[in-house]
Amino acid sequence: MSVDLQADGKTISARAIAKVAGPSVEGIATFTEYDVDGYKYVQVKVELTGDPSVLTAGKHAVHIHEKAACDCDGFKCAGGHFDPGPNGNTDPDANHGYHAGDLPMITVDENGKGLMEAVTNRFTLSDGPVSILGASSAPDGTSVMIHGNVDPYTPGESGSGHSGGPRLACGTIESA
């Protein structure tokens, strides 16, 4: 199913892109923000390809992470999940299911190809308190993360990896 808000005559107010990469995984995430009578919606599309022994067939968690940093071992420098508050809790496991950066899972086929499309109102691209492009909520920007496991969308023990497990690929989100 393809989501196309533009066909309904909505105004595109911002765009962003992230080149997603990890060991034996690569892809692109595109973000298109629509303004509908002053209310923002963001269409997210993630396309991945990878070695099927790394990017295994099935569902994989996809999240927006709180820092625009993908240049460290295991992508730990990307921090926790984007959750600006007012009572934010970026712990990827303990507060899970309620983060602004939670997205639907990507489904990968047996050839290591995956596609996810969704529309969210949990974050914006334009300036404001929930912008993922750098504002008071994320001064240095954010990243998109692909995880090795499914996302149960429920809280778990802090540090347990309950919310998606190992980090397979990461991409810094930038204005387009």
C-alpha atoms as a PDB file:
ATOM      1  CA  MET A   1       0.000   0.000   0.000  1.00  0.00           C
ATOM      2  CA  SER A   2       1.368   3.397  -0.940  1.00  0.00           C
ATOM      3  CA  VAL A   3       0.564   6.481   1.098  1.00  0.00           C
ATOM      4  CA  ASP A   4       0.204   9.636  -1.015  1.00  0.00           C
ATOM      5  CA  LEU A   5      -0.963  12.743   0.786  1.00  0.00           C
ATOM      6  CA  GLN A   6       0.029  14.999  -2.113  1.00  0.00           C
ATOM      7  CA  ALA A   7      -2.713  13.470  -4.268  1.00  0.00           C
ATOM      8  CA  ASP A   8      -5.226  14.960  -1.829  1.00  0.00           C
ATOM      9  CA  GLY A   9      -3.917  18.472  -2.558  1.00  0.00           C
ATOM     10  CA  LYS A  10      -2.014  18.985   0.680  1.00  0.00           C
ATOM     11  CA  THR A  11       0.882  21.419   0.932  1.00  0.00           C
ATOM     12  CA  ILE A  12       4.420  20.039   1.245  1.00  0.00           C
ATOM     13  CA  SER A  13       6.095  22.132   3.945  1.00  0.00           C
ATOM     14  CA  ALA A  14       9.470  20.350   4.346  1.00  0.00           C
ATOM     15  CA  ARG A  15      11.547  17.372   3.186  1.00  0.00           C
ATOM     16  CA  ALA A  16      14.398  15.389   4.705  1.00  0.00           C
ATOM     17  CA  ILE A  17      16.531  12.392   3.789  1.00  0.00           C
ATOM     18  CA  ALA A  18      18.833   9.908   5.515  1.00  0.00           C
ATOM     19  CA  LYS A  19      21.308   7.604   3.810  1.00  0.00           C
ATOM     20  CA  VAL A  20      21.076   4.480   5.951  1.00  0.00           C
ATOM     21  CA  ALA A  21      24.114   2.212   6.230  1.00  0.00           C
ATOM     22  CA  GLY A  22      25.540  -0.530   8.370  1.00  0.00           C
ATOM     23  CA  PRO A  23      27.670  -3.620   7.925  1.00  0.00           C
ATOM     24  CA  SER A  24      26.155  -5.330   4.841  1.00  0.00           C
ATOM     25  CA  VAL A  25      23.035  -3.090   4.909  1.00  0.00           C
ATOM     26  CA  GLU A  26      22.263   0.095   2.977  1.00  0.00           C
ATOM     27  CA  GLY A  27      19.250   2.136   2.030  1.00  0.00           C
ATOM     28  CA  ILE A  28      17.471   5.435   2.139  1.00  0.00           C
ATOM     29  CA  ALA A  29      14.836   7.007   4.343  1.00  0.00           C
ATOM     30  CA  THR A  30      12.795   9.890   2.978  1.00  0.00           C
ATOM     31  CA  PHE A  31      10.618  12.222   5.018  1.00  0.00           C
ATOM     32  CA  THR A  32       7.983  14.526   3.521  1.00  0.00           C
ATOM     33  CA  GLU A  33       6.072  16.897   5.788  1.00  0.00           C
ATOM     34  CA  TYR A  34       2.587  17.997   4.783  1.00  0.00           C
ATOM     35  CA  ASP A  35       0.682  20.928   6.217  1.00  0.00           C
ATOM     36  CA  VAL A  36      -3.038  20.266   6.506  1.00  0.00           C
ATOM     37  CA  ASP A  37      -4.780  23.380   7.832  1.00  0.00           C
ATOM     38  CA  GLY A  38      -1.801  24.187  10.074  1.00  0.00           C
ATOM     39  CA  TYR A  39      -1.380  20.623  11.359  1.00  0.00           C
ATOM     40  CA  LYS A  40       1.769  18.704  10.357  1.00  0.00           C
ATOM     41  CA  TYR A  41       1.919  15.108   9.108  1.00  0.00           C
ATOM     42  CA  VAL A  42       5.152  13.404   8.043  1.00  0.00           C
ATOM     43  CA  GLN A  43       5.203  10.679   5.415  1.00  0.00           C
ATOM     44  CA  VAL A  44       8.130   8.309   6.049  1.00  0.00           C
ATOM     45  CA  LYS A  45       9.478   5.842   3.493  1.00  0.00           C
ATOM     46  CA  VAL A  46      12.381   3.490   4.247  1.00  0.00           C
ATOM     47  CA  GLU A  47      13.909   1.284   1.544  1.00  0.00           C
ATOM     48  CA  LEU A  48      16.671  -1.192   2.454  1.00  0.00           C
ATOM     49  CA  THR A  49      18.820  -3.836   0.837  1.00  0.00           C
ATOM     50  CA  GLY A  50      21.281  -6.064   2.595  1.00  0.00           C
ATOM     51  CA  ASP A  51      22.950  -9.390   2.931  1.00  0.00           C
ATOM     52  CA  PRO A  52      20.092 -11.774   3.882  1.00  0.00           C
ATOM     53  CA  SER A  53      22.289 -13.302   6.578  1.00  0.00           C
ATOM     54  CA  VAL A  54      22.421  -9.868   8.288  1.00  0.00           C
ATOM     55  CA  LEU A  55      19.177  -8.230   7.175  1.00  0.00           C
ATOM     56  CA  THR A  56      17.104 -11.343   7.737  1.00  0.00           C
ATOM     57  CA  ALA A  57      13.631 -11.997   6.345  1.00  0.00           C
ATOM     58  CA  GLY A  58      10.818 -10.736   8.556  1.00  0.00           C
ATOM     59  CA  LYS A  59      10.081  -7.610  10.548  1.00  0.00           C
ATOM     60  CA  HIS A  60      12.678  -5.210  11.959  1.00  0.00           C
ATOM     61  CA  ALA A  61      12.200  -2.275  14.330  1.00  0.00           C
ATOM     62  CA  VAL A  62      12.588   1.248  12.903  1.00  0.00           C
ATOM     63  CA  HIS A  63      13.066   4.246  15.207  1.00  0.00           C
ATOM     64  CA  ILE A  64      14.115   7.869  15.182  1.00  0.00           C
ATOM     65  CA  HIS A  65      17.041   8.211  17.613  1.00  0.00           C
ATOM     66  CA  GLU A  66      17.834  11.331  19.605  1.00  0.00           C
ATOM     67  CA  LYS A  67      21.239  12.225  18.110  1.00  0.00           C
ATOM     68  CA  ALA A  68      22.500  12.800  14.565  1.00  0.00           C
ATOM     69  CA  ALA A  69      25.453  10.460  15.058  1.00  0.00           C
ATOM     70  CA  CYS A  70      26.052   7.168  13.266  1.00  0.00           C
ATOM     71  CA  ASP A  71      29.853   7.117  13.221  1.00  0.00           C
ATOM     72  CA  CYS A  72      30.625   4.930  16.237  1.00  0.00           C
ATOM     73  CA  ASP A  73      30.827   1.208  16.890  1.00  0.00           C
ATOM     74  CA  GLY A  74      27.363  -0.325  17.072  1.00  0.00           C
ATOM     75  CA  PHE A  75      25.756   3.101  16.479  1.00  0.00           C
ATOM     76  CA  LYS A  76      25.519   3.676  20.246  1.00  0.00           C
ATOM     77  CA  CYS A  77      26.401   7.359  19.723  1.00  0.00           C
ATOM     78  CA  ALA A  78      22.903   7.861  18.219  1.00  0.00           C
ATOM     79  CA  GLY A  79      21.588   7.719  21.771  1.00  0.00           C
ATOM     80  CA  GLY A  80      18.126   6.551  22.761  1.00  0.00           C
ATOM     81  CA  HIS A  81      14.796   7.037  21.078  1.00  0.00           C
ATOM     82  CA  PHE A  82      13.636  10.524  20.130  1.00  0.00           C
ATOM     83  CA  ASP A  83      11.248  11.615  22.898  1.00  0.00           C
ATOM     84  CA  PRO A  84      11.350  15.379  23.482  1.00  0.00           C
ATOM     85  CA  GLY A  85       8.880  15.566  26.313  1.00  0.00           C
ATOM     86  CA  PRO A  86       7.739  17.590  28.143  1.00  0.00           C
ATOM     87  CA  ASN A  87       8.486  14.567  30.324  1.00  0.00           C
ATOM     88  CA  GLY A  88      10.710  12.795  27.806  1.00  0.00           C
ATOM     89  CA  ASN A  89      12.292   9.432  28.534  1.00  0.00           C
ATOM     90  CA  THR A  90      14.672   8.311  25.781  1.00  0.00           C
ATOM     91  CA  ASP A  91      15.411   4.896  27.346  1.00  0.00           C
ATOM     92  CA  PRO A  92      14.852   2.600  24.351  1.00  0.00           C
ATOM     93  CA  ASP A  93      13.357  -0.155  26.482  1.00  0.00           C
ATOM     94  CA  ALA A  94      11.754   1.209  29.655  1.00  0.00           C
ATOM     95  CA  ASN A  95       9.430   3.798  28.080  1.00  0.00           C
ATOM     96  CA  HIS A  96       8.878   1.959  24.844  1.00  0.00           C
ATOM     97  CA  GLY A  97       5.682   2.265  22.925  1.00  0.00           C
ATOM     98  CA  TYR A  98       5.294   5.916  23.776  1.00  0.00           C
ATOM     99  CA  HIS A  99       8.328   7.565  22.165  1.00  0.00           C
ATOM    100  CA  ALA A 100       7.757  10.172  19.472  1.00  0.00           C
ATOM    101  CA  GLY A 101      10.393   8.326  17.420  1.00  0.00           C
ATOM    102  CA  ASP A 102       8.605   4.972  17.311  1.00  0.00           C
ATOM    103  CA  LEU A 103       7.711   3.962  13.754  1.00  0.00           C
ATOM    104  CA  PRO A 104       6.103   0.876  12.218  1.00  0.00           C
ATOM    105  CA  MET A 105       8.425  -2.031  11.496  1.00  0.00           C
ATOM    106  CA  ILE A 106       9.995  -2.630   8.104  1.00  0.00           C
ATOM    107  CA  THR A 107       9.288  -5.989   6.464  1.00  0.00           C
ATOM    108  CA  VAL A 108      12.277  -7.595   4.732  1.00  0.00           C
ATOM    109  CA  ASP A 109      11.952 -10.357   2.138  1.00  0.00           C
ATOM    110  CA  GLU A 110      14.146 -13.454   1.762  1.00  0.00           C
ATOM    111  CA  ASN A 111      16.450 -11.547  -0.637  1.00  0.00           C
ATOM    112  CA  GLY A 112      17.307  -8.886   1.961  1.00  0.00           C
ATOM    113  CA  LYS A 113      15.056  -6.161   0.511  1.00  0.00           C
ATOM    114  CA  GLY A 114      12.692  -4.172   2.682  1.00  0.00           C
ATOM    115  CA  LEU A 115      10.160  -1.372   2.421  1.00  0.00           C
ATOM    116  CA  MET A 116       8.229   0.581   5.042  1.00  0.00           C
ATOM    117  CA  GLU A 117       5.839   3.458   4.416  1.00  0.00           C
ATOM    118  CA  ALA A 118       3.928   5.297   7.104  1.00  0.00           C
ATOM    119  CA  VAL A 119       2.404   8.636   8.039  1.00  0.00           C
ATOM    120  CA  THR A 120       2.965  10.041  11.528  1.00  0.00           C
ATOM    121  CA  ASN A 121       2.077  13.122  13.532  1.00  0.00           C
ATOM    122  CA  ARG A 122       4.463  12.291  16.409  1.00  0.00           C
ATOM    123  CA  PHE A 123       7.229  14.517  15.011  1.00  0.00           C
ATOM    124  CA  THR A 124       7.742  17.280  12.454  1.00  0.00           C
ATOM    125  CA  LEU A 125      10.449  18.456  10.078  1.00  0.00           C
ATOM    126  CA  SER A 126       9.642  22.141  10.492  1.00  0.00           C
ATOM    127  CA  ASP A 127      10.717  24.198  13.492  1.00  0.00           C
ATOM    128  CA  GLY A 128       8.921  23.397  16.701  1.00  0.00           C
ATOM    129  CA  PRO A 129       9.032  21.376  19.901  1.00  0.00           C
ATOM    130  CA  VAL A 130       8.945  17.975  18.148  1.00  0.00           C
ATOM    131  CA  SER A 131      11.164  18.709  15.132  1.00  0.00           C
ATOM    132  CA  ILE A 132      13.645  15.954  14.226  1.00  0.00           C
ATOM    133  CA  LEU A 133      15.813  18.371  12.212  1.00  0.00           C
ATOM    134  CA  GLY A 134      17.287  20.406  15.006  1.00  0.00           C
ATOM    135  CA  ALA A 135      15.462  22.691  17.380  1.00  0.00           C
ATOM    136  CA  SER A 136      14.999  22.783  21.114  1.00  0.00           C
ATOM    137  CA  SER A 137      13.900  19.132  20.950  1.00  0.00           C
ATOM    138  CA  ALA A 138      16.985  17.923  19.070  1.00  0.00           C
ATOM    139  CA  PRO A 139      19.547  20.767  18.822  1.00  0.00           C
ATOM    140  CA  ASP A 140      22.006  18.747  16.734  1.00  0.00           C
ATOM    141  CA  GLY A 141      19.441  16.723  14.772  1.00  0.00           C
ATOM    142  CA  THR A 142      18.458  13.050  14.853  1.00  0.00           C
ATOM    143  CA  SER A 143      19.022   9.748  13.067  1.00  0.00           C
ATOM    144  CA  VAL A 144      16.964   6.834  11.803  1.00  0.00           C
ATOM    145  CA  MET A 145      17.871   3.368  13.136  1.00  0.00           C
ATOM    146  CA  ILE A 146      17.140  -0.105  11.785  1.00  0.00           C
ATOM    147  CA  HIS A 147      17.252  -2.845  14.414  1.00  0.00           C
ATOM    148  CA  GLY A 148      17.881  -6.576  14.136  1.00  0.00           C
ATOM    149  CA  ASN A 149      14.691  -7.742  15.845  1.00  0.00           C
ATOM    150  CA  VAL A 150      10.991  -7.038  15.941  1.00  0.00           C
ATOM    151  CA  ASP A 151       9.572  -4.280  18.081  1.00  0.00           C
ATOM    152  CA  PRO A 152       6.932  -5.460  20.570  1.00  0.00           C
ATOM    153  CA  TYR A 153       5.934  -1.815  21.289  1.00  0.00           C
ATOM    154  CA  THR A 154       5.811  -2.578  25.003  1.00  0.00           C
ATOM    155  CA  PRO A 155       8.058  -1.474  27.875  1.00  0.00           C
ATOM    156  CA  GLY A 156      10.826  -3.779  29.056  1.00  0.00           C
ATOM    157  CA  GLU A 157      13.783  -3.823  31.401  1.00  0.00           C
ATOM    158  CA  SER A 158      16.158  -0.895  30.836  1.00  0.00           C
ATOM    159  CA  GLY A 159      19.131  -1.983  28.709  1.00  0.00           C
ATOM    160  CA  SER A 160      17.511  -5.292  27.726  1.00  0.00           C
ATOM    161  CA  GLY A 161      17.237  -4.621  23.975  1.00  0.00           C
ATOM    162  CA  HIS A 162      13.522  -5.383  24.274  1.00  0.00           C
ATOM    163  CA  SER A 163      12.618  -2.605  21.820  1.00  0.00           C
ATOM    164  CA  GLY A 164      14.326  -4.034  18.741  1.00  0.00           C
ATOM    165  CA  GLY A 165      17.652  -5.497  19.734  1.00  0.00           C
ATOM    166  CA  PRO A 166      20.944  -4.892  17.935  1.00  0.00           C
ATOM    167  CA  ARG A 167      21.406  -1.827  15.755  1.00  0.00           C
ATOM    168  CA  LEU A 168      21.959  -2.955  12.148  1.00  0.00           C
ATOM    169  CA  ALA A 169      22.007   0.328  10.227  1.00  0.00           C
ATOM    170  CA  CYS A 170      21.847   4.054  10.930  1.00  0.00           C
ATOM    171  CA  GLY A 171      21.404   7.255   8.940  1.00  0.00           C
ATOM    172  CA  THR A 172      21.642  10.919   9.927  1.00  0.00           C
ATOM    173  CA  ILE A 173      18.483  12.821   9.001  1.00  0.00           C
ATOM    174  CA  GLU A 174      19.178  15.992   6.995  1.00  0.00           C
ATOM    175  CA  SER A 175      17.020  18.624   5.266  1.00  0.00           C
ATOM    176  CA  ALA A 176      16.492  17.929   1.602  1.00  0.00           C
END
